[in-house]
Amino acid sequence: MVASAPLLKKRFSFRRHERLRRRKDYELAFRHGSRRHTQNFTIILRPNGLKFSRLGVTVGKKVGNAVKRNRVKRCLREFFRLHKHTLPPSHDVVIVAKKDAATLAYHDVREELAAMLIRNNRI
């Protein structure tokens, strides 16, 4: 079991190269990505030509103050970290939070995003 621990750690990590960091990457996703909508989120998927998926999170000021926005971002990053192996490989995933996203607990975020992925045959 000790030998498999590094593999699990790697599988459920959220490494720097798995994040969208450049403005150009966000612009390409917004311009050319396909959109999926849920009650509290808009998910934009765009093929990236890499061997792994990357996550970008956008939470505007309409969601709430900095504390609320940061909490939403943490929940979305945690969802990606735990479910990235079920997402389509080689895609950039940008999740845009809508106004009421700050009222959700993590399990609500998980259920809403997982339901969207199942509905769109991604899991």
N, C-alpha and C. Protein backbone atom coordinates (compact mmCIF):
# COMPACT_ATOMS: atom_id res chain seq x y z
N MET A 1 0.82 -1.19 0.00
CA MET A 1 0.00 0.00 0.00
C MET A 1 0.86 1.25 0.00
N VAL A 2 2.03 1.19 0.56
CA VAL A 2 2.92 2.35 0.59
C VAL A 2 3.37 2.72 -0.81
N ALA A 3 3.57 1.73 -1.66
CA ALA A 3 4.03 2.00 -3.02
C ALA A 3 2.97 2.74 -3.84
N SER A 4 1.70 2.52 -3.55
CA SER A 4 0.65 3.17 -4.33
C SER A 4 0.33 4.58 -3.82
N ALA A 5 0.80 4.95 -2.66
CA ALA A 5 0.50 6.27 -2.10
C ALA A 5 0.96 7.40 -3.01
N PRO A 6 2.17 7.37 -3.58
CA PRO A 6 2.56 8.45 -4.48
C PRO A 6 1.67 8.54 -5.72
N LEU A 7 1.20 7.39 -6.22
CA LEU A 7 0.32 7.42 -7.38
C LEU A 7 -1.01 8.08 -7.05
N LEU A 8 -1.55 7.77 -5.88
CA LEU A 8 -2.80 8.42 -5.47
C LEU A 8 -2.60 9.91 -5.26
N LYS A 9 -1.49 10.25 -4.65
CA LYS A 9 -1.21 11.67 -4.41
C LYS A 9 -1.11 12.42 -5.73
N LYS A 10 -0.45 11.82 -6.71
CA LYS A 10 -0.30 12.45 -8.01
C LYS A 10 -1.64 12.55 -8.73
N ARG A 11 -2.45 11.50 -8.61
CA ARG A 11 -3.74 11.48 -9.29
C ARG A 11 -4.68 12.55 -8.77
N PHE A 12 -4.65 12.80 -7.47
CA PHE A 12 -5.58 13.74 -6.87
C PHE A 12 -4.94 15.09 -6.55
N SER A 13 -3.81 15.37 -7.14
CA SER A 13 -3.17 16.67 -6.91
C SER A 13 -3.72 17.69 -7.91
N PHE A 14 -3.41 18.93 -7.67
CA PHE A 14 -3.78 20.00 -8.60
C PHE A 14 -2.51 20.79 -8.86
N ARG A 15 -1.78 20.35 -9.86
CA ARG A 15 -0.46 20.90 -10.13
C ARG A 15 -0.54 22.19 -10.94
N ARG A 16 0.53 22.92 -10.92
CA ARG A 16 0.57 24.22 -11.58
C ARG A 16 0.28 24.12 -13.08
N HIS A 17 0.80 23.09 -13.73
CA HIS A 17 0.58 22.98 -15.17
C HIS A 17 -0.87 22.61 -15.52
N GLU A 18 -1.68 22.27 -14.52
CA GLU A 18 -3.09 21.96 -14.75
C GLU A 18 -4.00 23.18 -14.58
N ARG A 19 -3.41 24.33 -14.43
CA ARG A 19 -4.17 25.57 -14.24
C ARG A 19 -4.07 26.44 -15.49
N LEU A 20 -5.13 27.12 -15.82
CA LEU A 20 -5.06 28.15 -16.85
C LEU A 20 -4.54 29.40 -16.18
N ARG A 21 -3.45 29.93 -16.71
CA ARG A 21 -2.84 31.09 -16.06
C ARG A 21 -2.73 32.30 -16.97
N ARG A 22 -2.76 32.09 -18.26
CA ARG A 22 -2.54 33.20 -19.18
C ARG A 22 -3.86 33.74 -19.73
N ARG A 23 -3.89 35.04 -19.90
CA ARG A 23 -5.07 35.70 -20.45
C ARG A 23 -5.44 35.12 -21.81
N LYS A 24 -4.45 34.83 -22.62
CA LYS A 24 -4.69 34.29 -23.95
C LYS A 24 -5.44 32.96 -23.89
N ASP A 25 -5.10 32.11 -22.93
CA ASP A 25 -5.78 30.82 -22.78
C ASP A 25 -7.25 31.02 -22.43
N TYR A 26 -7.52 31.97 -21.53
CA TYR A 26 -8.91 32.27 -21.18
C TYR A 26 -9.66 32.82 -22.40
N GLU A 27 -9.03 33.73 -23.13
CA GLU A 27 -9.68 34.33 -24.30
C GLU A 27 -10.01 33.27 -25.35
N LEU A 28 -9.08 32.34 -25.59
CA LEU A 28 -9.34 31.27 -26.56
C LEU A 28 -10.50 30.40 -26.10
N ALA A 29 -10.55 30.10 -24.82
CA ALA A 29 -11.65 29.28 -24.29
C ALA A 29 -12.98 30.01 -24.44
N PHE A 30 -13.02 31.28 -24.08
CA PHE A 30 -14.26 32.05 -24.18
C PHE A 30 -14.70 32.20 -25.64
N ARG A 31 -13.74 32.38 -26.53
CA ARG A 31 -14.06 32.62 -27.93
C ARG A 31 -14.45 31.34 -28.67
N HIS A 32 -13.73 30.24 -28.42
CA HIS A 32 -13.91 29.04 -29.24
C HIS A 32 -14.44 27.83 -28.49
N GLY A 33 -14.66 27.94 -27.19
CA GLY A 33 -15.10 26.79 -26.41
C GLY A 33 -16.59 26.53 -26.51
N SER A 34 -16.98 25.31 -26.21
CA SER A 34 -18.41 24.98 -26.16
C SER A 34 -18.89 25.20 -24.73
N ARG A 35 -20.10 25.71 -24.61
CA ARG A 35 -20.62 26.11 -23.30
C ARG A 35 -21.71 25.15 -22.82
N ARG A 36 -21.67 24.90 -21.53
CA ARG A 36 -22.70 24.13 -20.84
C ARG A 36 -23.15 24.98 -19.66
N HIS A 37 -24.45 25.01 -19.43
CA HIS A 37 -24.98 25.86 -18.37
C HIS A 37 -25.67 25.02 -17.31
N THR A 38 -25.45 25.41 -16.06
CA THR A 38 -26.20 24.86 -14.94
C THR A 38 -26.85 26.06 -14.25
N GLN A 39 -27.52 25.80 -13.17
CA GLN A 39 -28.20 26.89 -12.47
C GLN A 39 -27.22 27.92 -11.93
N ASN A 40 -26.06 27.48 -11.45
CA ASN A 40 -25.12 28.39 -10.81
C ASN A 40 -23.78 28.54 -11.51
N PHE A 41 -23.56 27.80 -12.60
CA PHE A 41 -22.27 27.84 -13.27
C PHE A 41 -22.43 27.76 -14.78
N THR A 42 -21.46 28.32 -15.48
CA THR A 42 -21.31 28.11 -16.91
C THR A 42 -19.97 27.41 -17.09
N ILE A 43 -19.96 26.29 -17.80
CA ILE A 43 -18.74 25.52 -18.01
C ILE A 43 -18.38 25.65 -19.48
N ILE A 44 -17.16 26.03 -19.74
CA ILE A 44 -16.67 26.19 -21.11
C ILE A 44 -15.59 25.14 -21.33
N LEU A 45 -15.77 24.31 -22.36
CA LEU A 45 -14.80 23.27 -22.70
C LEU A 45 -14.18 23.57 -24.05
N ARG A 46 -12.86 23.44 -24.13
CA ARG A 46 -12.14 23.69 -25.37
C ARG A 46 -10.96 22.73 -25.46
N PRO A 47 -10.81 22.00 -26.57
CA PRO A 47 -9.64 21.13 -26.72
C PRO A 47 -8.36 21.96 -26.64
N ASN A 48 -7.34 21.42 -25.95
CA ASN A 48 -6.11 22.20 -25.78
C ASN A 48 -4.88 21.58 -26.43
N GLY A 49 -4.98 20.36 -26.97
CA GLY A 49 -3.84 19.75 -27.63
C GLY A 49 -2.78 19.20 -26.69
N LEU A 50 -3.03 19.23 -25.41
CA LEU A 50 -2.10 18.68 -24.43
C LEU A 50 -2.58 17.30 -24.01
N LYS A 51 -1.81 16.62 -23.19
CA LYS A 51 -2.20 15.28 -22.73
C LYS A 51 -3.00 15.33 -21.43
N PHE A 52 -3.30 16.51 -20.95
CA PHE A 52 -4.02 16.66 -19.69
C PHE A 52 -4.98 17.83 -19.79
N SER A 53 -5.95 17.85 -18.89
CA SER A 53 -6.90 18.96 -18.84
C SER A 53 -6.39 20.05 -17.92
N ARG A 54 -6.83 21.28 -18.19
CA ARG A 54 -6.47 22.41 -17.35
C ARG A 54 -7.74 23.11 -16.90
N LEU A 55 -7.68 23.72 -15.72
CA LEU A 55 -8.83 24.40 -15.15
C LEU A 55 -8.58 25.89 -15.04
N GLY A 56 -9.61 26.65 -15.40
CA GLY A 56 -9.63 28.08 -15.16
C GLY A 56 -10.93 28.41 -14.45
N VAL A 57 -10.88 29.31 -13.49
CA VAL A 57 -12.06 29.68 -12.70
C VAL A 57 -12.25 31.18 -12.79
N THR A 58 -13.49 31.59 -13.05
CA THR A 58 -13.83 33.01 -13.09
C THR A 58 -14.99 33.25 -12.13
N VAL A 59 -14.77 34.11 -11.16
CA VAL A 59 -15.81 34.45 -10.18
C VAL A 59 -15.86 35.97 -10.09
N GLY A 60 -16.92 36.55 -10.64
CA GLY A 60 -17.05 38.00 -10.67
C GLY A 60 -17.51 38.59 -9.35
N LYS A 61 -17.48 39.90 -9.28
CA LYS A 61 -17.85 40.59 -8.04
C LYS A 61 -19.33 40.49 -7.71
N LYS A 62 -20.16 40.12 -8.68
CA LYS A 62 -21.58 39.94 -8.40
C LYS A 62 -21.83 38.77 -7.45
N VAL A 63 -20.86 37.86 -7.37
CA VAL A 63 -21.01 36.69 -6.49
C VAL A 63 -20.95 37.11 -5.03
N GLY A 64 -20.16 38.12 -4.72
CA GLY A 64 -20.07 38.57 -3.33
C GLY A 64 -18.72 39.20 -3.06
N ASN A 65 -18.42 39.36 -1.77
CA ASN A 65 -17.15 39.97 -1.40
C ASN A 65 -16.01 38.97 -1.62
N ALA A 66 -14.81 39.38 -1.33
CA ALA A 66 -13.63 38.56 -1.61
C ALA A 66 -13.67 37.22 -0.88
N VAL A 67 -14.17 37.21 0.34
CA VAL A 67 -14.25 35.96 1.11
C VAL A 67 -15.15 34.96 0.39
N LYS A 68 -16.31 35.42 -0.06
CA LYS A 68 -17.25 34.53 -0.76
C LYS A 68 -16.69 34.07 -2.10
N ARG A 69 -16.08 34.99 -2.84
CA ARG A 69 -15.50 34.62 -4.14
C ARG A 69 -14.39 33.60 -3.98
N ASN A 70 -13.52 33.79 -3.00
CA ASN A 70 -12.43 32.85 -2.78
C ASN A 70 -12.95 31.48 -2.35
N ARG A 71 -14.01 31.44 -1.56
CA ARG A 71 -14.59 30.16 -1.16
C ARG A 71 -15.15 29.41 -2.36
N VAL A 72 -15.82 30.13 -3.26
CA VAL A 72 -16.34 29.50 -4.48
C VAL A 72 -15.18 28.95 -5.31
N LYS A 73 -14.11 29.72 -5.44
CA LYS A 73 -12.95 29.25 -6.20
C LYS A 73 -12.34 28.00 -5.58
N ARG A 74 -12.25 27.97 -4.26
CA ARG A 74 -11.71 26.78 -3.59
C ARG A 74 -12.59 25.56 -3.85
N CYS A 75 -13.90 25.73 -3.78
CA CYS A 75 -14.81 24.61 -4.05
C CYS A 75 -14.65 24.10 -5.48
N LEU A 76 -14.53 25.00 -6.44
CA LEU A 76 -14.39 24.59 -7.84
C LEU A 76 -13.06 23.90 -8.09
N ARG A 77 -11.99 24.41 -7.48
CA ARG A 77 -10.69 23.75 -7.63
C ARG A 77 -10.71 22.37 -6.99
N GLU A 78 -11.38 22.23 -5.86
CA GLU A 78 -11.48 20.92 -5.20
C GLU A 78 -12.27 19.94 -6.07
N PHE A 79 -13.34 20.40 -6.67
CA PHE A 79 -14.10 19.53 -7.57
C PHE A 79 -13.20 19.05 -8.71
N PHE A 80 -12.47 19.96 -9.33
CA PHE A 80 -11.58 19.59 -10.43
C PHE A 80 -10.52 18.62 -9.94
N ARG A 81 -9.93 18.87 -8.81
CA ARG A 81 -8.87 18.02 -8.28
C ARG A 81 -9.36 16.59 -8.09
N LEU A 82 -10.56 16.43 -7.57
CA LEU A 82 -11.08 15.10 -7.28
C LEU A 82 -11.72 14.42 -8.49
N HIS A 83 -12.11 15.18 -9.50
CA HIS A 83 -12.83 14.60 -10.64
C HIS A 83 -12.11 14.78 -11.97
N LYS A 84 -10.88 15.23 -11.98
CA LYS A 84 -10.21 15.49 -13.26
C LYS A 84 -10.03 14.23 -14.09
N HIS A 85 -9.94 13.08 -13.44
CA HIS A 85 -9.79 11.83 -14.18
C HIS A 85 -11.07 11.44 -14.90
N THR A 86 -12.21 12.03 -14.55
CA THR A 86 -13.47 11.75 -15.23
C THR A 86 -13.80 12.79 -16.30
N LEU A 87 -13.05 13.89 -16.33
CA LEU A 87 -13.28 14.93 -17.32
C LEU A 87 -12.65 14.51 -18.65
N PRO A 88 -13.11 15.12 -19.74
CA PRO A 88 -12.51 14.77 -21.02
C PRO A 88 -11.04 15.16 -21.03
N PRO A 89 -10.15 14.26 -21.46
CA PRO A 89 -8.72 14.60 -21.48
C PRO A 89 -8.43 15.63 -22.56
N SER A 90 -7.34 16.32 -22.41
CA SER A 90 -6.87 17.29 -23.40
C SER A 90 -7.86 18.42 -23.63
N HIS A 91 -8.47 18.91 -22.57
CA HIS A 91 -9.39 20.03 -22.68
C HIS A 91 -9.05 21.11 -21.65
N ASP A 92 -9.32 22.34 -22.04
CA ASP A 92 -9.31 23.43 -21.08
C ASP A 92 -10.73 23.57 -20.56
N VAL A 93 -10.88 23.61 -19.26
CA VAL A 93 -12.18 23.72 -18.62
C VAL A 93 -12.20 25.05 -17.87
N VAL A 94 -13.08 25.95 -18.28
CA VAL A 94 -13.25 27.22 -17.58
C VAL A 94 -14.63 27.19 -16.93
N ILE A 95 -14.67 27.42 -15.63
CA ILE A 95 -15.94 27.45 -14.91
C ILE A 95 -16.19 28.88 -14.47
N VAL A 96 -17.33 29.41 -14.90
CA VAL A 96 -17.72 30.77 -14.55
C VAL A 96 -18.86 30.68 -13.54
N ALA A 97 -18.65 31.27 -12.38
CA ALA A 97 -19.67 31.24 -11.32
C ALA A 97 -20.71 32.32 -11.57
N LYS A 98 -21.96 31.95 -11.39
CA LYS A 98 -23.06 32.91 -11.49
C LYS A 98 -23.33 33.49 -10.10
N LYS A 99 -24.25 34.42 -10.03
CA LYS A 99 -24.47 35.23 -8.84
C LYS A 99 -24.73 34.43 -7.56
N ASP A 100 -25.55 33.40 -7.62
CA ASP A 100 -25.94 32.67 -6.41
C ASP A 100 -24.99 31.53 -6.04
N ALA A 101 -23.86 31.41 -6.71
CA ALA A 101 -22.92 30.32 -6.44
C ALA A 101 -22.36 30.38 -5.02
N ALA A 102 -22.30 31.57 -4.43
CA ALA A 102 -21.73 31.71 -3.09
C ALA A 102 -22.59 31.06 -2.01
N THR A 103 -23.84 30.79 -2.31
CA THR A 103 -24.73 30.20 -1.31
C THR A 103 -24.61 28.68 -1.24
N LEU A 104 -23.87 28.08 -2.15
CA LEU A 104 -23.77 26.62 -2.23
C LEU A 104 -22.71 26.06 -1.31
N ALA A 105 -23.00 24.92 -0.72
CA ALA A 105 -21.99 24.14 0.01
C ALA A 105 -21.24 23.30 -1.02
N TYR A 106 -20.11 22.73 -0.60
CA TYR A 106 -19.31 21.96 -1.56
C TYR A 106 -20.10 20.80 -2.15
N HIS A 107 -20.87 20.09 -1.34
CA HIS A 107 -21.61 18.94 -1.87
C HIS A 107 -22.65 19.37 -2.91
N ASP A 108 -23.19 20.59 -2.78
CA ASP A 108 -24.12 21.11 -3.79
C ASP A 108 -23.38 21.41 -5.09
N VAL A 109 -22.18 21.98 -4.97
CA VAL A 109 -21.35 22.25 -6.15
C VAL A 109 -21.04 20.94 -6.85
N ARG A 110 -20.63 19.94 -6.08
CA ARG A 110 -20.27 18.63 -6.64
C ARG A 110 -21.46 18.01 -7.37
N GLU A 111 -22.62 18.03 -6.74
CA GLU A 111 -23.81 17.43 -7.37
C GLU A 111 -24.19 18.15 -8.65
N GLU A 112 -24.15 19.47 -8.63
CA GLU A 112 -24.55 20.24 -9.81
C GLU A 112 -23.60 20.02 -10.97
N LEU A 113 -22.30 20.06 -10.72
CA LEU A 113 -21.33 19.88 -11.80
C LEU A 113 -21.29 18.44 -12.28
N ALA A 114 -21.38 17.48 -11.36
CA ALA A 114 -21.38 16.07 -11.76
C ALA A 114 -22.62 15.76 -12.59
N ALA A 115 -23.77 16.30 -12.22
CA ALA A 115 -25.00 16.09 -13.00
C ALA A 115 -24.84 16.65 -14.41
N MET A 116 -24.21 17.81 -14.53
CA MET A 116 -23.99 18.40 -15.85
C MET A 116 -23.08 17.51 -16.68
N LEU A 117 -22.02 17.00 -16.07
CA LEU A 117 -21.08 16.15 -16.81
C LEU A 117 -21.75 14.85 -17.25
N ILE A 118 -22.56 14.27 -16.38
CA ILE A 118 -23.27 13.04 -16.74
C ILE A 118 -24.27 13.32 -17.86
N ARG A 119 -25.00 14.43 -17.75
CA ARG A 119 -25.98 14.80 -18.77
C ARG A 119 -25.33 14.96 -20.14
N ASN A 120 -24.11 15.43 -20.16
CA ASN A 120 -23.41 15.68 -21.42
C ASN A 120 -22.43 14.57 -21.76
N ASN A 121 -22.63 13.39 -21.17
CA ASN A 121 -21.83 12.20 -21.47
C ASN A 121 -20.34 12.42 -21.27
N ARG A 122 -19.97 13.10 -20.21
CA ARG A 122 -18.55 13.35 -19.94
C ARG A 122 -18.02 12.41 -18.87
N ILE A 123 -18.90 11.75 -18.11
CA ILE A 123 -18.43 10.80 -17.09
C ILE A 123 -18.82 9.41 -17.54
